[in-house]
Amino acid sequence: MARQKQTAKKSTNNWGKVLSRTLETKRQKGKGKGILKTDVVKTKTRRWRPGTVALREIRRYQKSTENLIKRAPFQRLLRDIAKD
């Protein structure tokens, strides 16, 4: 019987979930003793690679139709420019 190749599957990002689960188990282990501030580990915030967030924002603002500048300040600016 011939081997079948597996199709590539998109991995789900469990980075935050796994980290929170491990922290939760650590907290449960130390519950009987009482947790000190030194025992609690801070979760790391997600750091995106340079440019990733910028590209995401570009896509977001290109999709949207809402005004990015409020109406009143924009009107004042136009009046000021037209006055000159």
PDB file of N, CA and C in Angstrom:
ATOM      1  N   MET A   1       0.841  -1.183   0.000  1.00  0.00           N
ATOM      2  CA  MET A   1       0.000   0.000   0.000  1.00  0.00           C
ATOM      3  C   MET A   1       0.887   1.248   0.000  1.00  0.00           C
ATOM      4  N   ALA A   2       0.605   2.177  -0.880  1.00  0.00           N
ATOM      5  CA  ALA A   2       1.427   3.380  -1.015  1.00  0.00           C
ATOM      6  C   ALA A   2       1.120   4.374   0.102  1.00  0.00           C
ATOM      7  N   ARG A   3       2.172   5.109   0.461  1.00  0.00           N
ATOM      8  CA  ARG A   3       1.984   6.136   1.493  1.00  0.00           C
ATOM      9  C   ARG A   3       1.267   7.335   0.904  1.00  0.00           C
ATOM     10  N   GLN A   4       0.440   7.951   1.717  1.00  0.00           N
ATOM     11  CA  GLN A   4      -0.260   9.146   1.263  1.00  0.00           C
ATOM     12  C   GLN A   4       0.363  10.358   1.929  1.00  0.00           C
ATOM     13  N   LYS A   5       0.548  11.399   1.152  1.00  0.00           N
ATOM     14  CA  LYS A   5       1.091  12.627   1.711  1.00  0.00           C
ATOM     15  C   LYS A   5      -0.015  13.375   2.448  1.00  0.00           C
ATOM     16  N   GLN A   6       0.363  13.970   3.560  1.00  0.00           N
ATOM     17  CA  GLN A   6      -0.616  14.757   4.300  1.00  0.00           C
ATOM     18  C   GLN A   6      -0.636  16.173   3.753  1.00  0.00           C
ATOM     19  N   THR A   7      -1.820  16.745   3.723  1.00  0.00           N
ATOM     20  CA  THR A   7      -1.927  18.133   3.274  1.00  0.00           C
ATOM     21  C   THR A   7      -1.532  19.050   4.423  1.00  0.00           C
ATOM     22  N   ALA A   8      -0.960  20.188   4.063  1.00  0.00           N
ATOM     23  CA  ALA A   8      -0.525  21.140   5.080  1.00  0.00           C
ATOM     24  C   ALA A   8      -1.743  21.742   5.755  1.00  0.00           C
ATOM     25  N   LYS A   9      -1.689  21.827   7.081  1.00  0.00           N
ATOM     26  CA  LYS A   9      -2.779  22.419   7.846  1.00  0.00           C
ATOM     27  C   LYS A   9      -2.276  23.684   8.497  1.00  0.00           C
ATOM     28  N   LYS A  10      -3.138  24.671   8.538  1.00  0.00           N
ATOM     29  CA  LYS A  10      -2.775  25.926   9.176  1.00  0.00           C
ATOM     30  C   LYS A  10      -2.741  25.690  10.681  1.00  0.00           C
ATOM     31  N   SER A  11      -1.633  26.045  11.299  1.00  0.00           N
ATOM     32  CA  SER A  11      -1.537  25.817  12.732  1.00  0.00           C
ATOM     33  C   SER A  11      -2.333  26.879  13.465  1.00  0.00           C
ATOM     34  N   THR A  12      -3.009  26.460  14.520  1.00  0.00           N
ATOM     35  CA  THR A  12      -3.742  27.429  15.330  1.00  0.00           C
ATOM     36  C   THR A  12      -2.777  28.023  16.329  1.00  0.00           C
ATOM     37  N   ASN A  13      -2.909  29.286  16.563  1.00  0.00           N
ATOM     38  CA  ASN A  13      -1.990  29.982  17.450  1.00  0.00           C
ATOM     39  C   ASN A  13      -2.416  29.753  18.898  1.00  0.00           C
ATOM     40  N   ASN A  14      -1.815  28.796  19.553  1.00  0.00           N
ATOM     41  CA  ASN A  14      -2.139  28.497  20.942  1.00  0.00           C
ATOM     42  C   ASN A  14      -1.134  29.103  21.893  1.00  0.00           C
ATOM     43  N   TRP A  15      -0.326  30.034  21.418  1.00  0.00           N
ATOM     44  CA  TRP A  15       0.759  30.604  22.213  1.00  0.00           C
ATOM     45  C   TRP A  15       0.254  31.158  23.538  1.00  0.00           C
ATOM     46  N   GLY A  16      -0.770  31.992  23.502  1.00  0.00           N
ATOM     47  CA  GLY A  16      -1.292  32.600  24.722  1.00  0.00           C
ATOM     48  C   GLY A  16      -2.032  31.604  25.589  1.00  0.00           C
ATOM     49  N   LYS A  17      -2.756  30.674  24.965  1.00  0.00           N
ATOM     50  CA  LYS A  17      -3.539  29.701  25.711  1.00  0.00           C
ATOM     51  C   LYS A  17      -2.636  28.762  26.499  1.00  0.00           C
ATOM     52  N   VAL A  18      -1.587  28.280  25.862  1.00  0.00           N
ATOM     53  CA  VAL A  18      -0.671  27.344  26.512  1.00  0.00           C
ATOM     54  C   VAL A  18       0.018  28.025  27.684  1.00  0.00           C
ATOM     55  N   LEU A  19       0.440  29.266  27.482  1.00  0.00           N
ATOM     56  CA  LEU A  19       1.119  30.008  28.532  1.00  0.00           C
ATOM     57  C   LEU A  19       0.195  30.228  29.720  1.00  0.00           C
ATOM     58  N   SER A  20      -1.075  30.574  29.449  1.00  0.00           N
ATOM     59  CA  SER A  20      -1.999  30.822  30.549  1.00  0.00           C
ATOM     60  C   SER A  20      -2.319  29.527  31.291  1.00  0.00           C
ATOM     61  N   ARG A  21      -2.380  28.396  30.558  1.00  0.00           N
ATOM     62  CA  ARG A  21      -2.639  27.115  31.221  1.00  0.00           C
ATOM     63  C   ARG A  21      -1.500  26.741  32.161  1.00  0.00           C
ATOM     64  N   THR A  22      -0.263  26.934  31.706  1.00  0.00           N
ATOM     65  CA  THR A  22       0.870  26.571  32.555  1.00  0.00           C
ATOM     66  C   THR A  22       0.922  27.461  33.782  1.00  0.00           C
ATOM     67  N   LEU A  23       0.597  28.735  33.616  1.00  0.00           N
ATOM     68  CA  LEU A  23       0.577  29.635  34.766  1.00  0.00           C
ATOM     69  C   LEU A  23      -0.521  29.239  35.741  1.00  0.00           C
ATOM     70  N   GLU A  24      -1.668  28.813  35.196  1.00  0.00           N
ATOM     71  CA  GLU A  24      -2.786  28.414  36.044  1.00  0.00           C
ATOM     72  C   GLU A  24      -2.414  27.186  36.874  1.00  0.00           C
ATOM     73  N   THR A  25      -1.735  26.208  36.266  1.00  0.00           N
ATOM     74  CA  THR A  25      -1.347  25.018  37.015  1.00  0.00           C
ATOM     75  C   THR A  25      -0.316  25.367  38.080  1.00  0.00           C
ATOM     76  N   LYS A  26       0.571  26.317  37.769  1.00  0.00           N
ATOM     77  CA  LYS A  26       1.555  26.743  38.764  1.00  0.00           C
ATOM     78  C   LYS A  26       0.860  27.392  39.955  1.00  0.00           C
ATOM     79  N   ARG A  27      -0.178  28.169  39.664  1.00  0.00           N
ATOM     80  CA  ARG A  27      -0.902  28.842  40.742  1.00  0.00           C
ATOM     81  C   ARG A  27      -1.639  27.825  41.607  1.00  0.00           C
ATOM     82  N   GLN A  28      -2.226  26.806  40.965  1.00  0.00           N
ATOM     83  CA  GLN A  28      -2.972  25.806  41.708  1.00  0.00           C
ATOM     84  C   GLN A  28      -2.054  24.989  42.612  1.00  0.00           C
ATOM     85  N   LYS A  29      -0.849  24.702  42.153  1.00  0.00           N
ATOM     86  CA  LYS A  29       0.088  23.937  42.968  1.00  0.00           C
ATOM     87  C   LYS A  29       0.460  24.697  44.230  1.00  0.00           C
ATOM     88  N   GLY A  30       0.606  26.006  44.111  1.00  0.00           N
ATOM     89  CA  GLY A  30       1.046  26.800  45.244  1.00  0.00           C
ATOM     90  C   GLY A  30      -0.086  27.337  46.089  1.00  0.00           C
ATOM     91  N   LYS A  31      -1.339  26.933  45.841  1.00  0.00           N
ATOM     92  CA  LYS A  31      -2.477  27.474  46.575  1.00  0.00           C
ATOM     93  C   LYS A  31      -2.428  27.174  48.059  1.00  0.00           C
ATOM     94  N   GLY A  32      -1.998  25.996  48.429  1.00  0.00           N
ATOM     95  CA  GLY A  32      -1.981  25.617  49.837  1.00  0.00           C
ATOM     96  C   GLY A  32      -1.017  26.462  50.647  1.00  0.00           C
ATOM     97  N   LYS A  33       0.103  26.825  50.064  1.00  0.00           N
ATOM     98  CA  LYS A  33       1.128  27.583  50.772  1.00  0.00           C
ATOM     99  C   LYS A  33       0.821  29.074  50.798  1.00  0.00           C
ATOM    100  N   GLY A  34       0.094  29.535  49.818  1.00  0.00           N
ATOM    101  CA  GLY A  34      -0.125  30.976  49.686  1.00  0.00           C
ATOM    102  C   GLY A  34       0.876  31.507  48.675  1.00  0.00           C
ATOM    103  N   ILE A  35       0.414  32.281  47.753  1.00  0.00           N
ATOM    104  CA  ILE A  35       1.280  32.746  46.675  1.00  0.00           C
ATOM    105  C   ILE A  35       1.891  34.090  47.038  1.00  0.00           C
ATOM    106  N   LEU A  36       3.190  34.168  46.914  1.00  0.00           N
ATOM    107  CA  LEU A  36       3.886  35.429  47.118  1.00  0.00           C
ATOM    108  C   LEU A  36       3.977  36.152  45.786  1.00  0.00           C
ATOM    109  N   LYS A  37       4.247  37.449  45.834  1.00  0.00           N
ATOM    110  CA  LYS A  37       4.358  38.217  44.594  1.00  0.00           C
ATOM    111  C   LYS A  37       5.512  37.714  43.733  1.00  0.00           C
ATOM    112  N   THR A  38       6.529  37.176  44.365  1.00  0.00           N
ATOM    113  CA  THR A  38       7.679  36.688  43.607  1.00  0.00           C
ATOM    114  C   THR A  38       7.352  35.397  42.864  1.00  0.00           C
ATOM    115  N   ASP A  39       6.336  34.645  43.336  1.00  0.00           N
ATOM    116  CA  ASP A  39       5.965  33.383  42.701  1.00  0.00           C
ATOM    117  C   ASP A  39       5.187  33.586  41.398  1.00  0.00           C
ATOM    118  N   VAL A  40       4.445  34.674  41.296  1.00  0.00           N
ATOM    119  CA  VAL A  40       3.598  34.898  40.130  1.00  0.00           C
ATOM    120  C   VAL A  40       4.459  35.364  38.962  1.00  0.00           C
ATOM    121  N   VAL A  41       4.316  34.680  37.833  1.00  0.00           N
ATOM    122  CA  VAL A  41       5.085  35.013  36.641  1.00  0.00           C
ATOM    123  C   VAL A  41       4.219  35.894  35.750  1.00  0.00           C
ATOM    124  N   LYS A  42       4.767  37.028  35.293  1.00  0.00           N
ATOM    125  CA  LYS A  42       4.012  37.906  34.404  1.00  0.00           C
ATOM    126  C   LYS A  42       3.980  37.297  33.013  1.00  0.00           C
ATOM    127  N   THR A  43       2.809  37.374  32.374  1.00  0.00           N
ATOM    128  CA  THR A  43       2.709  36.871  31.010  1.00  0.00           C
ATOM    129  C   THR A  43       3.328  37.892  30.066  1.00  0.00           C
ATOM    130  N   LYS A  44       4.049  37.399  29.083  1.00  0.00           N
ATOM    131  CA  LYS A  44       4.684  38.282  28.111  1.00  0.00           C
ATOM    132  C   LYS A  44       3.635  38.762  27.117  1.00  0.00           C
ATOM    133  N   THR A  45       3.702  40.039  26.773  1.00  0.00           N
ATOM    134  CA  THR A  45       2.802  40.542  25.748  1.00  0.00           C
ATOM    135  C   THR A  45       3.331  40.103  24.389  1.00  0.00           C
ATOM    136  N   ARG A  46       2.426  39.941  23.455  1.00  0.00           N
ATOM    137  CA  ARG A  46       2.804  39.444  22.132  1.00  0.00           C
ATOM    138  C   ARG A  46       3.537  40.529  21.378  1.00  0.00           C
ATOM    139  N   ARG A  47       4.728  40.227  20.881  1.00  0.00           N
ATOM    140  CA  ARG A  47       5.505  41.171  20.082  1.00  0.00           C
ATOM    141  C   ARG A  47       5.451  40.728  18.625  1.00  0.00           C
ATOM    142  N   TRP A  48       4.923  41.594  17.769  1.00  0.00           N
ATOM    143  CA  TRP A  48       4.860  41.282  16.352  1.00  0.00           C
ATOM    144  C   TRP A  48       6.145  41.728  15.676  1.00  0.00           C
ATOM    145  N   ARG A  49       6.474  41.107  14.572  1.00  0.00           N
ATOM    146  CA  ARG A  49       7.677  41.475  13.819  1.00  0.00           C
ATOM    147  C   ARG A  49       7.495  42.867  13.229  1.00  0.00           C
ATOM    148  N   PRO A  50       8.590  43.585  13.011  1.00  0.00           N
ATOM    149  CA  PRO A  50       8.482  44.941  12.472  1.00  0.00           C
ATOM    150  C   PRO A  50       7.752  44.960  11.129  1.00  0.00           C
ATOM    151  N   GLY A  51       6.762  45.833  11.030  1.00  0.00           N
ATOM    152  CA  GLY A  51       6.002  45.972   9.796  1.00  0.00           C
ATOM    153  C   GLY A  51       4.713  45.180   9.765  1.00  0.00           C
ATOM    154  N   THR A  52       4.571  44.180  10.608  1.00  0.00           N
ATOM    155  CA  THR A  52       3.370  43.346  10.584  1.00  0.00           C
ATOM    156  C   THR A  52       2.148  44.150  10.990  1.00  0.00           C
ATOM    157  N   VAL A  53       2.274  44.905  12.057  1.00  0.00           N
ATOM    158  CA  VAL A  53       1.149  45.700  12.548  1.00  0.00           C
ATOM    159  C   VAL A  53       0.822  46.805  11.546  1.00  0.00           C
ATOM    160  N   ALA A  54       1.858  47.389  10.951  1.00  0.00           N
ATOM    161  CA  ALA A  54       1.638  48.447   9.962  1.00  0.00           C
ATOM    162  C   ALA A  54       0.848  47.915   8.771  1.00  0.00           C
ATOM    163  N   LEU A  55       1.221  46.738   8.285  1.00  0.00           N
ATOM    164  CA  LEU A  55       0.502  46.145   7.156  1.00  0.00           C
ATOM    165  C   LEU A  55      -0.941  45.828   7.529  1.00  0.00           C
ATOM    166  N   ARG A  56      -1.140  45.352   8.759  1.00  0.00           N
ATOM    167  CA  ARG A  56      -2.488  45.049   9.227  1.00  0.00           C
ATOM    168  C   ARG A  56      -3.337  46.324   9.270  1.00  0.00           C
ATOM    169  N   GLU A  57      -2.736  47.428   9.749  1.00  0.00           N
ATOM    170  CA  GLU A  57      -3.462  48.698   9.819  1.00  0.00           C
ATOM    171  C   GLU A  57      -3.784  49.220   8.419  1.00  0.00           C
ATOM    172  N   ILE A  58      -2.842  49.066   7.487  1.00  0.00           N
ATOM    173  CA  ILE A  58      -3.091  49.506   6.109  1.00  0.00           C
ATOM    174  C   ILE A  58      -4.293  48.764   5.541  1.00  0.00           C
ATOM    175  N   ARG A  59      -4.323  47.455   5.718  1.00  0.00           N
ATOM    176  CA  ARG A  59      -5.448  46.661   5.210  1.00  0.00           C
ATOM    177  C   ARG A  59      -6.759  47.089   5.862  1.00  0.00           C
ATOM    178  N   ARG A  60      -6.691  47.327   7.175  1.00  0.00           N
ATOM    179  CA  ARG A  60      -7.892  47.708   7.927  1.00  0.00           C
ATOM    180  C   ARG A  60      -8.453  49.034   7.430  1.00  0.00           C
ATOM    181  N   TYR A  61      -7.585  50.043   7.266  1.00  0.00           N
ATOM    182  CA  TYR A  61      -8.060  51.358   6.860  1.00  0.00           C
ATOM    183  C   TYR A  61      -8.458  51.395   5.388  1.00  0.00           C
ATOM    184  N   GLN A  62      -7.882  50.539   4.562  1.00  0.00           N
ATOM    185  CA  GLN A  62      -8.303  50.474   3.166  1.00  0.00           C
ATOM    186  C   GLN A  62      -9.688  49.842   3.033  1.00  0.00           C
ATOM    187  N   LYS A  63     -10.015  48.925   3.934  1.00  0.00           N
ATOM    188  CA  LYS A  63     -11.339  48.298   3.919  1.00  0.00           C
ATOM    189  C   LYS A  63     -12.425  49.245   4.410  1.00  0.00           C
ATOM    190  N   SER A  64     -12.078  50.088   5.400  1.00  0.00           N
ATOM    191  CA  SER A  64     -13.095  50.882   6.089  1.00  0.00           C
ATOM    192  C   SER A  64     -13.537  52.081   5.265  1.00  0.00           C
ATOM    193  N   THR A  65     -14.715  52.594   5.608  1.00  0.00           N
ATOM    194  CA  THR A  65     -15.243  53.777   4.932  1.00  0.00           C
ATOM    195  C   THR A  65     -15.491  54.916   5.909  1.00  0.00           C
ATOM    196  N   GLU A  66     -15.209  54.724   7.189  1.00  0.00           N
ATOM    197  CA  GLU A  66     -15.496  55.786   8.165  1.00  0.00           C
ATOM    198  C   GLU A  66     -14.474  56.911   8.040  1.00  0.00           C
ATOM    199  N   ASN A  67     -14.876  58.088   8.483  1.00  0.00           N
ATOM    200  CA  ASN A  67     -13.981  59.240   8.444  1.00  0.00           C
ATOM    201  C   ASN A  67     -12.907  59.077   9.506  1.00  0.00           C
ATOM    202  N   LEU A  68     -11.663  59.272   9.116  1.00  0.00           N
ATOM    203  CA  LEU A  68     -10.557  59.106  10.050  1.00  0.00           C
ATOM    204  C   LEU A  68     -10.308  60.374  10.854  1.00  0.00           C
ATOM    205  N   ILE A  69     -10.724  61.521  10.297  1.00  0.00           N
ATOM    206  CA  ILE A  69     -10.607  62.794  11.011  1.00  0.00           C
ATOM    207  C   ILE A  69     -12.028  63.252  11.328  1.00  0.00           C
ATOM    208  N   LYS A  70     -12.260  63.721  12.542  1.00  0.00           N
ATOM    209  CA  LYS A  70     -13.587  64.192  12.940  1.00  0.00           C
ATOM    210  C   LYS A  70     -14.012  65.355  12.048  1.00  0.00           C
ATOM    211  N   ARG A  71     -15.316  65.510  11.911  1.00  0.00           N
ATOM    212  CA  ARG A  71     -15.845  66.472  10.944  1.00  0.00           C
ATOM    213  C   ARG A  71     -15.498  67.922  11.292  1.00  0.00           C
ATOM    214  N   ALA A  72     -15.709  68.330  12.541  1.00  0.00           N
ATOM    215  CA  ALA A  72     -15.510  69.739  12.921  1.00  0.00           C
ATOM    216  C   ALA A  72     -14.053  70.194  12.746  1.00  0.00           C
ATOM    217  N   PRO A  73     -13.059  69.449  13.259  1.00  0.00           N
ATOM    218  CA  PRO A  73     -11.684  69.884  13.052  1.00  0.00           C
ATOM    219  C   PRO A  73     -11.295  69.941  11.570  1.00  0.00           C
ATOM    220  N   PHE A  74     -11.829  69.022  10.785  1.00  0.00           N
ATOM    221  CA  PHE A  74     -11.523  68.997   9.357  1.00  0.00           C
ATOM    222  C   PHE A  74     -12.114  70.222   8.662  1.00  0.00           C
ATOM    223  N   GLN A  75     -13.340  70.593   9.067  1.00  0.00           N
ATOM    224  CA  GLN A  75     -13.979  71.782   8.504  1.00  0.00           C
ATOM    225  C   GLN A  75     -13.170  73.030   8.834  1.00  0.00           C
ATOM    226  N   ARG A  76     -12.709  73.138  10.084  1.00  0.00           N
ATOM    227  CA  ARG A  76     -11.902  74.290  10.495  1.00  0.00           C
ATOM    228  C   ARG A  76     -10.627  74.374   9.670  1.00  0.00           C
ATOM    229  N   LEU A  77     -10.004  73.244   9.458  1.00  0.00           N
ATOM    230  CA  LEU A  77      -8.774  73.203   8.670  1.00  0.00           C
ATOM    231  C   LEU A  77      -9.027  73.676   7.236  1.00  0.00           C
ATOM    232  N   LEU A  78     -10.111  73.190   6.632  1.00  0.00           N
ATOM    233  CA  LEU A  78     -10.436  73.594   5.264  1.00  0.00           C
ATOM    234  C   LEU A  78     -10.741  75.086   5.180  1.00  0.00           C
ATOM    235  N   ARG A  79     -11.489  75.599   6.165  1.00  0.00           N
ATOM    236  CA  ARG A  79     -11.785  77.033   6.178  1.00  0.00           C
ATOM    237  C   ARG A  79     -10.510  77.846   6.279  1.00  0.00           C
ATOM    238  N   ASP A  80      -9.595  77.375   7.148  1.00  0.00           N
ATOM    239  CA  ASP A  80      -8.325  78.075   7.348  1.00  0.00           C
ATOM    240  C   ASP A  80      -7.502  78.085   6.055  1.00  0.00           C
ATOM    241  N   ILE A  81      -7.485  76.961   5.355  1.00  0.00           N
ATOM    242  CA  ILE A  81      -6.732  76.867   4.100  1.00  0.00           C
ATOM    243  C   ILE A  81      -7.383  77.738   3.024  1.00  0.00           C
ATOM    244  N   ALA A  82      -8.716  77.713   2.961  1.00  0.00           N
ATOM    245  CA  ALA A  82      -9.439  78.472   1.933  1.00  0.00           C
ATOM    246  C   ALA A  82      -9.329  79.978   2.163  1.00  0.00           C
ATOM    247  N   LYS A  83      -9.160  80.385   3.426  1.00  0.00           N
ATOM    248  CA  LYS A  83      -9.056  81.801   3.764  1.00  0.00           C
ATOM    249  C   LYS A  83      -7.794  82.421   3.173  1.00  0.00           C
ATOM    250  N   ASP A  84      -6.711  81.650   3.145  1.00  0.00           N
ATOM    251  CA  ASP A  84      -5.414  82.170   2.663  1.00  0.00           C
ATOM    252  C   ASP A  84      -5.403  82.421   1.226  1.00  0.00           C
TER     253      ASP A  84
END
